[in-house]
C-alpha atoms as a PDB file:
ATOM      1  CA  MET A   1      -0.008   0.022   0.062  1.00  0.00           C
ATOM      2  CA  GLU A   2       2.908   2.317   0.431  1.00  0.00           C
ATOM      3  CA  ASN A   3       3.952   2.133  -3.291  1.00  0.00           C
ATOM      4  CA  THR A   4       0.341   2.961  -4.067  1.00  0.00           C
ATOM      5  CA  ASP A   5       0.625   6.085  -1.688  1.00  0.00           C
ATOM      6  CA  LYS A   6       3.613   7.389  -3.431  1.00  0.00           C
ATOM      7  CA  GLU A   7       2.019   6.804  -6.647  1.00  0.00           C
ATOM      8  CA  TYR A   8      -0.910   9.133  -5.887  1.00  0.00           C
ATOM      9  CA  LEU A   9       0.994  11.621  -4.435  1.00  0.00           C
ATOM     10  CA  LEU A  10       2.934  11.699  -7.856  1.00  0.00           C
ATOM     11  CA  ASN A  11      -0.114  11.783  -9.624  1.00  0.00           C
ATOM     12  CA  ARG A  12      -1.616  14.644  -7.473  1.00  0.00           C
ATOM     13  CA  ARG A  13       1.603  16.901  -7.894  1.00  0.00           C
ATOM     14  CA  VAL A  14       1.379  16.202 -11.885  1.00  0.00           C
ATOM     15  CA  THR A  15      -2.322  17.095 -11.951  1.00  0.00           C
ATOM     16  CA  LEU A  16      -1.459  19.978 -10.094  1.00  0.00           C
ATOM     17  CA  PHE A  17       1.285  21.080 -12.039  1.00  0.00           C
ATOM     18  CA  PHE A  18      -0.267  20.535 -15.496  1.00  0.00           C
ATOM     19  CA  GLY A  19      -3.313  22.437 -14.212  1.00  0.00           C
ATOM     20  CA  ILE A  20      -1.928  25.436 -13.104  1.00  0.00           C
ATOM     21  CA  THR A  21       0.723  25.758 -15.830  1.00  0.00           C
ATOM     22  CA  PHE A  22      -2.330  25.362 -18.340  1.00  0.00           C
ATOM     23  CA  LEU A  23      -4.205  27.983 -16.325  1.00  0.00           C
ATOM     24  CA  PHE A  24      -1.395  30.374 -16.986  1.00  0.00           C
ATOM     25  CA  ILE A  25      -1.232  29.566 -20.460  1.00  0.00           C
ATOM     26  CA  PHE A  26      -4.856  30.158 -21.006  1.00  0.00           C
ATOM     27  CA  PHE A  27      -4.838  33.298 -18.759  1.00  0.00           C
ATOM     28  CA  ALA A  28      -2.139  34.826 -21.345  1.00  0.00           C
ATOM     29  CA  GLU A  29      -4.369  33.970 -24.229  1.00  0.00           C
ATOM     30  CA  ILE A  30      -7.353  35.684 -22.545  1.00  0.00           C
ATOM     31  CA  THR A  31      -5.467  38.610 -21.812  1.00  0.00           C
ATOM     32  CA  SER A  32      -3.783  38.711 -25.222  1.00  0.00           C
ATOM     33  CA  GLU A  33      -7.221  38.586 -26.833  1.00  0.00           C
ATOM     34  CA  MET A  34      -8.578  41.315 -24.358  1.00  0.00           C
ATOM     35  CA  LEU A  35      -5.902  43.762 -25.245  1.00  0.00           C
ATOM     36  CA  SER A  36      -6.242  43.021 -29.074  1.00  0.00           C
ATOM     37  CA  PHE A  37      -9.950  43.847 -28.690  1.00  0.00           C
ATOM     38  CA  LEU A  38      -9.486  47.085 -26.709  1.00  0.00           C
ATOM     39  CA  LEU A  39      -6.698  48.317 -28.797  1.00  0.00           C
ATOM     40  CA  GLY A  40      -8.978  47.943 -31.904  1.00  0.00           C
ATOM     41  CA  GLU A  41      -6.578  45.555 -34.092  1.00  0.00           C
ATOM     42  CA  ASN A  42      -9.824  43.717 -35.246  1.00  0.00           C
ATOM     43  CA  LEU A  43      -7.922  40.180 -34.982  1.00  0.00           C
ATOM     44  CA  LEU A  44     -11.214  38.439 -33.813  1.00  0.00           C
ATOM     45  CA  ALA A  45     -14.770  38.874 -32.927  1.00  0.00           C
ATOM     46  CA  PRO A  46     -16.213  39.907 -29.896  1.00  0.00           C
ATOM     47  CA  GLY A  47     -18.210  36.605 -29.740  1.00  0.00           C
ATOM     48  CA  GLN A  48     -14.574  34.633 -29.872  1.00  0.00           C
ATOM     49  CA  LEU A  49     -13.650  36.785 -26.849  1.00  0.00           C
ATOM     50  CA  VAL A  50     -16.862  36.088 -24.848  1.00  0.00           C
ATOM     51  CA  PHE A  51     -16.576  32.192 -25.809  1.00  0.00           C
ATOM     52  CA  HIS A  52     -13.013  31.966 -24.537  1.00  0.00           C
ATOM     53  CA  LEU A  53     -13.605  33.987 -21.480  1.00  0.00           C
ATOM     54  CA  PHE A  54     -16.408  31.591 -20.476  1.00  0.00           C
ATOM     55  CA  CYS A  55     -13.977  28.520 -21.546  1.00  0.00           C
ATOM     56  CA  PHE A  56     -11.555  30.273 -19.036  1.00  0.00           C
ATOM     57  CA  ILE A  57     -13.854  30.576 -16.268  1.00  0.00           C
ATOM     58  CA  GLY A  58     -15.002  26.915 -16.698  1.00  0.00           C
ATOM     59  CA  TYR A  59     -11.575  25.681 -16.679  1.00  0.00           C
ATOM     60  CA  ILE A  60     -11.067  27.517 -13.373  1.00  0.00           C
ATOM     61  CA  LEU A  61     -14.219  25.769 -11.846  1.00  0.00           C
ATOM     62  CA  THR A  62     -13.011  22.405 -13.126  1.00  0.00           C
ATOM     63  CA  LEU A  63      -9.589  22.774 -11.739  1.00  0.00           C
ATOM     64  CA  ILE A  64     -10.877  23.795  -8.523  1.00  0.00           C
ATOM     65  CA  TYR A  65     -13.581  20.705  -8.530  1.00  0.00           C
ATOM     66  CA  VAL A  66     -10.668  18.441  -9.302  1.00  0.00           C
ATOM     67  CA  TYR A  67      -8.338  19.916  -6.512  1.00  0.00           C
ATOM     68  CA  LYS A  68     -11.204  19.592  -3.886  1.00  0.00           C
ATOM     69  CA  LYS A  69     -12.248  15.878  -5.080  1.00  0.00           C
ATOM     70  CA  GLN A  70      -8.976  14.291  -6.048  1.00  0.00           C
ATOM     71  CA  LEU A  71      -8.144  12.997  -2.400  1.00  0.00           C
ATOM     72  CA  HIS A  72     -11.696  11.764  -2.453  1.00  0.00           C
ATOM     73  CA  ILE A  73     -11.145   9.886  -5.684  1.00  0.00           C
ATOM     74  CA  GLU A  74      -7.963   8.294  -4.465  1.00  0.00           C
ATOM     75  CA  GLU A  75      -9.414   7.042  -1.450  1.00  0.00           C
ATOM     76  CA  LYS A  76     -12.313   5.117  -3.227  1.00  0.00           C
ATOM     77  CA  ASN A  77      -9.811   3.834  -5.831  1.00  0.00           C
ATOM     78  CA  LYS A  78      -7.762   2.304  -2.721  1.00  0.00           C
ATOM     79  CA  GLU A  79     -10.810   0.850  -1.267  1.00  0.00           C
ATOM     80  CA  ILE A  80     -11.835  -0.686  -4.847  1.00  0.00           C
ATOM     81  CA  ILE A  81      -8.270  -2.053  -5.088  1.00  0.00           C
ATOM     82  CA  GLU A  82      -8.302  -3.560  -1.760  1.00  0.00           C
ATOM     83  CA  ARG A  83     -11.086  -5.433  -2.390  1.00  0.00           C
ATOM     84  CA  LEU A  84     -10.264  -6.754  -5.566  1.00  0.00           C
ATOM     85  CA  THR A  85      -7.217  -7.919  -4.144  1.00  0.00           C
ATOM     86  CA  LYS A  86      -8.916  -9.885  -1.346  1.00  0.00           C
ATOM     87  CA  THR A  87     -11.331 -11.260  -4.013  1.00  0.00           C
ATOM     88  CA  ASN A  88      -8.396 -12.370  -6.378  1.00  0.00           C
ATOM     89  CA  SER A  89      -6.436 -13.760  -3.433  1.00  0.00           C
ATOM     90  CA  GLY A  90      -8.937 -16.166  -2.120  1.00  0.00           C
END
């Protein structure tokens, strides 16, 4: 079980690293689009900006949800693994 805990900890760290990294990339893209729109460069339609802004807000909400529920999901996975190990071993 010790090995499983280490794997889950690594998985949690990778998930957070990926999530936060993508959050900053997404934020930079939204900021660039806003500046382009505000400076009148006419590179994108207002609908695109609104759509990407809603996607960004959805991503933030999803990242928060995953962060809060990840430990609970890991505990349930451990219970399932233990149950399967007991049934397979005898």
